[in-house]
Amino acid sequence: MIGGERLNIRALRGAVAERFKTQSAFAKALGWSDNKVSRLMTGKHSPDMEEISKITRVLDLSKERYIDIFYLPITSTNGDKR
């Protein structure tokens, strides 16, 4: 599972706004409740791999955009990126 801290919410919001304009339209396209999408967009829900796959398809993400949204660098406690 991808942790909420590993999700680039700003990039996800941008992709949703470009493609759907509203979170409600995005939720409908995913077949999810507005509440679930709201939790995702505020970092309160961490998507599992199946959900990530569905988000990727619905948003028609390029490889670069996918990496930007779902793969943030891990920073160690001393600030080094791993």
PDB file of N, CA and C in Angstrom:
ATOM      1  N   MET A   1       0.846  -1.185   0.000  1.00  0.00           N
ATOM      2  CA  MET A   1       0.000   0.000   0.000  1.00  0.00           C
ATOM      3  C   MET A   1       0.882   1.235   0.000  1.00  0.00           C
ATOM      4  N   ILE A   2       0.459   2.249  -0.681  1.00  0.00           N
ATOM      5  CA  ILE A   2       1.163   3.521  -0.717  1.00  0.00           C
ATOM      6  C   ILE A   2       0.653   4.363   0.437  1.00  0.00           C
ATOM      7  N   GLY A   3       1.550   4.847   1.279  1.00  0.00           N
ATOM      8  CA  GLY A   3       1.136   5.679   2.407  1.00  0.00           C
ATOM      9  C   GLY A   3       0.719   7.059   1.953  1.00  0.00           C
ATOM     10  N   GLY A   4      -0.167   7.712   2.725  1.00  0.00           N
ATOM     11  CA  GLY A   4      -0.628   9.042   2.391  1.00  0.00           C
ATOM     12  C   GLY A   4       0.508  10.025   2.231  1.00  0.00           C
ATOM     13  N   GLU A   5       1.603   9.806   3.005  1.00  0.00           N
ATOM     14  CA  GLU A   5       2.744  10.694   2.898  1.00  0.00           C
ATOM     15  C   GLU A   5       3.500  10.502   1.587  1.00  0.00           C
ATOM     16  N   ARG A   6       3.214   9.444   0.854  1.00  0.00           N
ATOM     17  CA  ARG A   6       3.893   9.165  -0.414  1.00  0.00           C
ATOM     18  C   ARG A   6       3.045   9.593  -1.610  1.00  0.00           C
ATOM     19  N   LEU A   7       1.915  10.192  -1.357  1.00  0.00           N
ATOM     20  CA  LEU A   7       1.013  10.621  -2.423  1.00  0.00           C
ATOM     21  C   LEU A   7       1.172  12.123  -2.624  1.00  0.00           C
ATOM     22  N   ASN A   8       1.486  12.542  -3.836  1.00  0.00           N
ATOM     23  CA  ASN A   8       1.629  13.962  -4.150  1.00  0.00           C
ATOM     24  C   ASN A   8       0.225  14.507  -4.414  1.00  0.00           C
ATOM     25  N   ILE A   9      -0.398  14.977  -3.353  1.00  0.00           N
ATOM     26  CA  ILE A   9      -1.792  15.418  -3.431  1.00  0.00           C
ATOM     27  C   ILE A   9      -1.939  16.621  -4.351  1.00  0.00           C
ATOM     28  N   ARG A  10      -0.984  17.521  -4.328  1.00  0.00           N
ATOM     29  CA  ARG A  10      -1.059  18.703  -5.198  1.00  0.00           C
ATOM     30  C   ARG A  10      -1.090  18.284  -6.669  1.00  0.00           C
ATOM     31  N   ALA A  11      -0.223  17.330  -7.037  1.00  0.00           N
ATOM     32  CA  ALA A  11      -0.188  16.861  -8.428  1.00  0.00           C
ATOM     33  C   ALA A  11      -1.474  16.111  -8.779  1.00  0.00           C
ATOM     34  N   LEU A  12      -1.994  15.329  -7.829  1.00  0.00           N
ATOM     35  CA  LEU A  12      -3.254  14.614  -8.070  1.00  0.00           C
ATOM     36  C   LEU A  12      -4.396  15.600  -8.280  1.00  0.00           C
ATOM     37  N   ARG A  13      -4.472  16.606  -7.430  1.00  0.00           N
ATOM     38  CA  ARG A  13      -5.530  17.623  -7.580  1.00  0.00           C
ATOM     39  C   ARG A  13      -5.443  18.301  -8.946  1.00  0.00           C
ATOM     40  N   GLY A  14      -4.225  18.606  -9.379  1.00  0.00           N
ATOM     41  CA  GLY A  14      -4.044  19.229 -10.682  1.00  0.00           C
ATOM     42  C   GLY A  14      -4.532  18.344 -11.813  1.00  0.00           C
ATOM     43  N   ALA A  15      -4.198  17.052 -11.747  1.00  0.00           N
ATOM     44  CA  ALA A  15      -4.628  16.111 -12.789  1.00  0.00           C
ATOM     45  C   ALA A  15      -6.146  15.980 -12.809  1.00  0.00           C
ATOM     46  N   VAL A  16      -6.750  15.934 -11.631  1.00  0.00           N
ATOM     47  CA  VAL A  16      -8.219  15.828 -11.545  1.00  0.00           C
ATOM     48  C   VAL A  16      -8.861  17.091 -12.116  1.00  0.00           C
ATOM     49  N   ALA A  17      -8.348  18.253 -11.756  1.00  0.00           N
ATOM     50  CA  ALA A  17      -8.916  19.518 -12.236  1.00  0.00           C
ATOM     51  C   ALA A  17      -8.816  19.633 -13.759  1.00  0.00           C
ATOM     52  N   GLU A  18      -7.699  19.184 -14.319  1.00  0.00           N
ATOM     53  CA  GLU A  18      -7.516  19.250 -15.772  1.00  0.00           C
ATOM     54  C   GLU A  18      -8.489  18.344 -16.508  1.00  0.00           C
ATOM     55  N   ARG A  19      -8.696  17.155 -15.960  1.00  0.00           N
ATOM     56  CA  ARG A  19      -9.484  16.139 -16.664  1.00  0.00           C
ATOM     57  C   ARG A  19     -10.980  16.225 -16.367  1.00  0.00           C
ATOM     58  N   PHE A  20     -11.332  16.506 -15.115  1.00  0.00           N
ATOM     59  CA  PHE A  20     -12.740  16.429 -14.701  1.00  0.00           C
ATOM     60  C   PHE A  20     -13.342  17.729 -14.182  1.00  0.00           C
ATOM     61  N   LYS A  21     -12.529  18.685 -13.856  1.00  0.00           N
ATOM     62  CA  LYS A  21     -12.973  19.971 -13.315  1.00  0.00           C
ATOM     63  C   LYS A  21     -13.436  19.872 -11.865  1.00  0.00           C
ATOM     64  N   THR A  22     -14.201  18.823 -11.489  1.00  0.00           N
ATOM     65  CA  THR A  22     -14.687  18.702 -10.115  1.00  0.00           C
ATOM     66  C   THR A  22     -14.336  17.333  -9.528  1.00  0.00           C
ATOM     67  N   GLN A  23     -14.195  17.312  -8.197  1.00  0.00           N
ATOM     68  CA  GLN A  23     -13.962  16.047  -7.509  1.00  0.00           C
ATOM     69  C   GLN A  23     -15.160  15.116  -7.658  1.00  0.00           C
ATOM     70  N   SER A  24     -16.348  15.696  -7.714  1.00  0.00           N
ATOM     71  CA  SER A  24     -17.563  14.901  -7.855  1.00  0.00           C
ATOM     72  C   SER A  24     -17.583  14.139  -9.188  1.00  0.00           C
ATOM     73  N   ALA A  25     -17.182  14.810 -10.255  1.00  0.00           N
ATOM     74  CA  ALA A  25     -17.122  14.144 -11.563  1.00  0.00           C
ATOM     75  C   ALA A  25     -16.053  13.054 -11.561  1.00  0.00           C
ATOM     76  N   PHE A  26     -14.930  13.307 -10.891  1.00  0.00           N
ATOM     77  CA  PHE A  26     -13.862  12.316 -10.745  1.00  0.00           C
ATOM     78  C   PHE A  26     -14.379  11.104  -9.965  1.00  0.00           C
ATOM     79  N   ALA A  27     -15.096  11.360  -8.878  1.00  0.00           N
ATOM     80  CA  ALA A  27     -15.671  10.278  -8.067  1.00  0.00           C
ATOM     81  C   ALA A  27     -16.614   9.419  -8.900  1.00  0.00           C
ATOM     82  N   LYS A  28     -17.457  10.061  -9.683  1.00  0.00           N
ATOM     83  CA  LYS A  28     -18.408   9.340 -10.529  1.00  0.00           C
ATOM     84  C   LYS A  28     -17.671   8.463 -11.539  1.00  0.00           C
ATOM     85  N   ALA A  29     -16.611   8.998 -12.145  1.00  0.00           N
ATOM     86  CA  ALA A  29     -15.836   8.235 -13.129  1.00  0.00           C
ATOM     87  C   ALA A  29     -15.173   7.010 -12.493  1.00  0.00           C
ATOM     88  N   LEU A  30     -14.761   7.155 -11.237  1.00  0.00           N
ATOM     89  CA  LEU A  30     -14.141   6.040 -10.523  1.00  0.00           C
ATOM     90  C   LEU A  30     -15.163   5.045  -9.977  1.00  0.00           C
ATOM     91  N   GLY A  31     -16.415   5.500  -9.846  1.00  0.00           N
ATOM     92  CA  GLY A  31     -17.435   4.667  -9.212  1.00  0.00           C
ATOM     93  C   GLY A  31     -17.301   4.699  -7.693  1.00  0.00           C
ATOM     94  N   TRP A  32     -16.743   5.786  -7.189  1.00  0.00           N
ATOM     95  CA  TRP A  32     -16.524   5.960  -5.756  1.00  0.00           C
ATOM     96  C   TRP A  32     -17.482   7.025  -5.222  1.00  0.00           C
ATOM     97  N   SER A  33     -17.622   7.047  -3.907  1.00  0.00           N
ATOM     98  CA  SER A  33     -18.417   8.101  -3.272  1.00  0.00           C
ATOM     99  C   SER A  33     -17.614   9.401  -3.262  1.00  0.00           C
ATOM    100  N   ASP A  34     -18.325  10.507  -3.183  1.00  0.00           N
ATOM    101  CA  ASP A  34     -17.655  11.801  -3.058  1.00  0.00           C
ATOM    102  C   ASP A  34     -16.796  11.829  -1.796  1.00  0.00           C
ATOM    103  N   ASN A  35     -17.287  11.191  -0.742  1.00  0.00           N
ATOM    104  CA  ASN A  35     -16.563  11.158   0.524  1.00  0.00           C
ATOM    105  C   ASN A  35     -15.223  10.447   0.386  1.00  0.00           C
ATOM    106  N   LYS A  36     -15.190   9.328  -0.331  1.00  0.00           N
ATOM    107  CA  LYS A  36     -13.943   8.592  -0.510  1.00  0.00           C
ATOM    108  C   LYS A  36     -12.930   9.428  -1.285  1.00  0.00           C
ATOM    109  N   VAL A  37     -13.378  10.110  -2.329  1.00  0.00           N
ATOM    110  CA  VAL A  37     -12.482  10.961  -3.107  1.00  0.00           C
ATOM    111  C   VAL A  37     -12.005  12.129  -2.249  1.00  0.00           C
ATOM    112  N   SER A  38     -12.870  12.687  -1.448  1.00  0.00           N
ATOM    113  CA  SER A  38     -12.485  13.773  -0.557  1.00  0.00           C
ATOM    114  C   SER A  38     -11.388  13.320   0.406  1.00  0.00           C
ATOM    115  N   ARG A  39     -11.534  12.127   0.960  1.00  0.00           N
ATOM    116  CA  ARG A  39     -10.514  11.585   1.861  1.00  0.00           C
ATOM    117  C   ARG A  39      -9.193  11.363   1.120  1.00  0.00           C
ATOM    118  N   LEU A  40      -9.269  10.898  -0.112  1.00  0.00           N
ATOM    119  CA  LEU A  40      -8.066  10.715  -0.931  1.00  0.00           C
ATOM    120  C   LEU A  40      -7.371  12.053  -1.160  1.00  0.00           C
ATOM    121  N   MET A  41      -8.146  13.061  -1.521  1.00  0.00           N
ATOM    122  CA  MET A  41      -7.594  14.362  -1.881  1.00  0.00           C
ATOM    123  C   MET A  41      -7.074  15.155  -0.682  1.00  0.00           C
ATOM    124  N   THR A  42      -7.412  14.719   0.515  1.00  0.00           N
ATOM    125  CA  THR A  42      -6.905  15.386   1.722  1.00  0.00           C
ATOM    126  C   THR A  42      -5.860  14.540   2.436  1.00  0.00           C
ATOM    127  N   GLY A  43      -5.495  13.412   1.839  1.00  0.00           N
ATOM    128  CA  GLY A  43      -4.465  12.564   2.431  1.00  0.00           C
ATOM    129  C   GLY A  43      -4.952  11.670   3.548  1.00  0.00           C
ATOM    130  N   LYS A  44      -6.262  11.565   3.716  1.00  0.00           N
ATOM    131  CA  LYS A  44      -6.827  10.722   4.772  1.00  0.00           C
ATOM    132  C   LYS A  44      -7.092   9.301   4.300  1.00  0.00           C
ATOM    133  N   HIS A  45      -6.965   9.055   3.004  1.00  0.00           N
ATOM    134  CA  HIS A  45      -7.127   7.718   2.422  1.00  0.00           C
ATOM    135  C   HIS A  45      -5.904   7.425   1.565  1.00  0.00           C
ATOM    136  N   SER A  46      -5.255   6.316   1.851  1.00  0.00           N
ATOM    137  CA  SER A  46      -4.114   5.880   1.051  1.00  0.00           C
ATOM    138  C   SER A  46      -4.586   4.824   0.068  1.00  0.00           C
ATOM    139  N   PRO A  47      -4.492   5.089  -1.234  1.00  0.00           N
ATOM    140  CA  PRO A  47      -4.995   4.123  -2.214  1.00  0.00           C
ATOM    141  C   PRO A  47      -4.130   2.868  -2.259  1.00  0.00           C
ATOM    142  N   ASP A  48      -4.797   1.728  -2.430  1.00  0.00           N
ATOM    143  CA  ASP A  48      -4.056   0.482  -2.633  1.00  0.00           C
ATOM    144  C   ASP A  48      -3.709   0.374  -4.121  1.00  0.00           C
ATOM    145  N   MET A  49      -3.008  -0.674  -4.480  1.00  0.00           N
ATOM    146  CA  MET A  49      -2.544  -0.796  -5.872  1.00  0.00           C
ATOM    147  C   MET A  49      -3.703  -0.875  -6.871  1.00  0.00           C
ATOM    148  N   GLU A  50      -4.778  -1.540  -6.514  1.00  0.00           N
ATOM    149  CA  GLU A  50      -5.942  -1.621  -7.405  1.00  0.00           C
ATOM    150  C   GLU A  50      -6.546  -0.231  -7.620  1.00  0.00           C
ATOM    151  N   GLU A  51      -6.640   0.542  -6.546  1.00  0.00           N
ATOM    152  CA  GLU A  51      -7.181   1.895  -6.657  1.00  0.00           C
ATOM    153  C   GLU A  51      -6.250   2.801  -7.455  1.00  0.00           C
ATOM    154  N   ILE A  52      -4.950   2.651  -7.251  1.00  0.00           N
ATOM    155  CA  ILE A  52      -3.977   3.432  -8.016  1.00  0.00           C
ATOM    156  C   ILE A  52      -4.115   3.124  -9.509  1.00  0.00           C
ATOM    157  N   SER A  53      -4.287   1.857  -9.827  1.00  0.00           N
ATOM    158  CA  SER A  53      -4.460   1.457 -11.221  1.00  0.00           C
ATOM    159  C   SER A  53      -5.710   2.111 -11.821  1.00  0.00           C
ATOM    160  N   LYS A  54      -6.788   2.118 -11.056  1.00  0.00           N
ATOM    161  CA  LYS A  54      -8.035   2.709 -11.536  1.00  0.00           C
ATOM    162  C   LYS A  54      -7.894   4.224 -11.715  1.00  0.00           C
ATOM    163  N   ILE A  55      -7.253   4.878 -10.760  1.00  0.00           N
ATOM    164  CA  ILE A  55      -7.021   6.321 -10.857  1.00  0.00           C
ATOM    165  C   ILE A  55      -6.193   6.627 -12.101  1.00  0.00           C
ATOM    166  N   THR A  56      -5.155   5.829 -12.325  1.00  0.00           N
ATOM    167  CA  THR A  56      -4.274   6.021 -13.476  1.00  0.00           C
ATOM    168  C   THR A  56      -5.046   5.907 -14.787  1.00  0.00           C
ATOM    169  N   ARG A  57      -5.919   4.905 -14.891  1.00  0.00           N
ATOM    170  CA  ARG A  57      -6.723   4.721 -16.115  1.00  0.00           C
ATOM    171  C   ARG A  57      -7.709   5.863 -16.307  1.00  0.00           C
ATOM    172  N   VAL A  58      -8.426   6.215 -15.247  1.00  0.00           N
ATOM    173  CA  VAL A  58      -9.463   7.248 -15.346  1.00  0.00           C
ATOM    174  C   VAL A  58      -8.855   8.607 -15.701  1.00  0.00           C
ATOM    175  N   LEU A  59      -7.683   8.902 -15.141  1.00  0.00           N
ATOM    176  CA  LEU A  59      -7.027  10.181 -15.433  1.00  0.00           C
ATOM    177  C   LEU A  59      -6.159  10.121 -16.688  1.00  0.00           C
ATOM    178  N   ASP A  60      -6.005   8.917 -17.249  1.00  0.00           N
ATOM    179  CA  ASP A  60      -5.176   8.721 -18.442  1.00  0.00           C
ATOM    180  C   ASP A  60      -3.784   9.326 -18.228  1.00  0.00           C
ATOM    181  N   LEU A  61      -3.149   8.919 -17.122  1.00  0.00           N
ATOM    182  CA  LEU A  61      -1.867   9.488 -16.732  1.00  0.00           C
ATOM    183  C   LEU A  61      -0.728   8.969 -17.597  1.00  0.00           C
ATOM    184  N   SER A  62       0.149   9.875 -17.963  1.00  0.00           N
ATOM    185  CA  SER A  62       1.400   9.478 -18.620  1.00  0.00           C
ATOM    186  C   SER A  62       2.306   8.857 -17.560  1.00  0.00           C
ATOM    187  N   LYS A  63       3.346   8.200 -18.002  1.00  0.00           N
ATOM    188  CA  LYS A  63       4.306   7.601 -17.074  1.00  0.00           C
ATOM    189  C   LYS A  63       4.890   8.673 -16.150  1.00  0.00           C
ATOM    190  N   GLU A  64       5.241   9.807 -16.705  1.00  0.00           N
ATOM    191  CA  GLU A  64       5.840  10.886 -15.926  1.00  0.00           C
ATOM    192  C   GLU A  64       4.869  11.422 -14.880  1.00  0.00           C
ATOM    193  N   ARG A  65       3.622  11.599 -15.274  1.00  0.00           N
ATOM    194  CA  ARG A  65       2.604  12.117 -14.347  1.00  0.00           C
ATOM    195  C   ARG A  65       2.319  11.095 -13.248  1.00  0.00           C
ATOM    196  N   TYR A  66       2.275   9.812 -13.617  1.00  0.00           N
ATOM    197  CA  TYR A  66       2.070   8.739 -12.647  1.00  0.00           C
ATOM    198  C   TYR A  66       3.171   8.787 -11.590  1.00  0.00           C
ATOM    199  N   ILE A  67       4.409   8.890 -12.044  1.00  0.00           N
ATOM    200  CA  ILE A  67       5.545   8.934 -11.119  1.00  0.00           C
ATOM    201  C   ILE A  67       5.464  10.178 -10.240  1.00  0.00           C
ATOM    202  N   ASP A  68       5.089  11.298 -10.814  1.00  0.00           N
ATOM    203  CA  ASP A  68       4.959  12.539 -10.056  1.00  0.00           C
ATOM    204  C   ASP A  68       3.918  12.415  -8.950  1.00  0.00           C
ATOM    205  N   ILE A  69       2.816  11.758  -9.231  1.00  0.00           N
ATOM    206  CA  ILE A  69       1.728  11.650  -8.253  1.00  0.00           C
ATOM    207  C   ILE A  69       1.990  10.566  -7.212  1.00  0.00           C
ATOM    208  N   PHE A  70       2.457   9.405  -7.640  1.00  0.00           N
ATOM    209  CA  PHE A  70       2.504   8.255  -6.732  1.00  0.00           C
ATOM    210  C   PHE A  70       3.881   7.876  -6.192  1.00  0.00           C
ATOM    211  N   TYR A  71       4.947   8.478  -6.692  1.00  0.00           N
ATOM    212  CA  TYR A  71       6.276   8.094  -6.224  1.00  0.00           C
ATOM    213  C   TYR A  71       7.099   9.292  -5.802  1.00  0.00           C
ATOM    214  N   LEU A  72       6.853   9.783  -4.608  1.00  0.00           N
ATOM    215  CA  LEU A  72       7.668  10.852  -4.056  1.00  0.00           C
ATOM    216  C   LEU A  72       8.938  10.243  -3.478  1.00  0.00           C
ATOM    217  N   PRO A  73      10.041  10.953  -3.537  1.00  0.00           N
ATOM    218  CA  PRO A  73      11.264  10.411  -2.936  1.00  0.00           C
ATOM    219  C   PRO A  73      11.098  10.241  -1.429  1.00  0.00           C
ATOM    220  N   ILE A  74      11.686   9.204  -0.911  1.00  0.00           N
ATOM    221  CA  ILE A  74      11.666   8.957   0.528  1.00  0.00           C
ATOM    222  C   ILE A  74      12.834   9.731   1.127  1.00  0.00           C
ATOM    223  N   THR A  75      12.561  10.491   2.161  1.00  0.00           N
ATOM    224  CA  THR A  75      13.605  11.259   2.828  1.00  0.00           C
ATOM    225  C   THR A  75      13.871  10.635   4.184  1.00  0.00           C
ATOM    226  N   SER A  76      15.134  10.370   4.462  1.00  0.00           N
ATOM    227  CA  SER A  76      15.495   9.794   5.763  1.00  0.00           C
ATOM    228  C   SER A  76      15.391  10.859   6.837  1.00  0.00           C
ATOM    229  N   THR A  77      15.537  10.462   8.072  1.00  0.00           N
ATOM    230  CA  THR A  77      15.394  11.406   9.193  1.00  0.00           C
ATOM    231  C   THR A  77      16.451  12.502   9.157  1.00  0.00           C
ATOM    232  N   ASN A  78      17.609  12.263   8.503  1.00  0.00           N
ATOM    233  CA  ASN A  78      18.621  13.315   8.414  1.00  0.00           C
ATOM    234  C   ASN A  78      18.481  14.147   7.137  1.00  0.00           C
ATOM    235  N   GLY A  79      17.416  13.892   6.362  1.00  0.00           N
ATOM    236  CA  GLY A  79      17.123  14.695   5.183  1.00  0.00           C
ATOM    237  C   GLY A  79      17.650  14.148   3.871  1.00  0.00           C
ATOM    238  N   ASP A  80      18.388  13.042   3.912  1.00  0.00           N
ATOM    239  CA  ASP A  80      18.890  12.427   2.675  1.00  0.00           C
ATOM    240  C   ASP A  80      17.764  11.743   1.927  1.00  0.00           C
ATOM    241  N   LYS A  81      17.762  11.896   0.599  1.00  0.00           N
ATOM    242  CA  LYS A  81      16.772  11.188  -0.212  1.00  0.00           C
ATOM    243  C   LYS A  81      17.282   9.803  -0.501  1.00  0.00           C
ATOM    244  N   ARG A  82      16.367   8.820  -0.436  1.00  0.00           N
ATOM    245  CA  ARG A  82      16.728   7.429  -0.722  1.00  0.00           C
ATOM    246  C   ARG A  82      16.055   6.983  -1.981  1.00  0.00           C
TER     247      ARG A  82
END
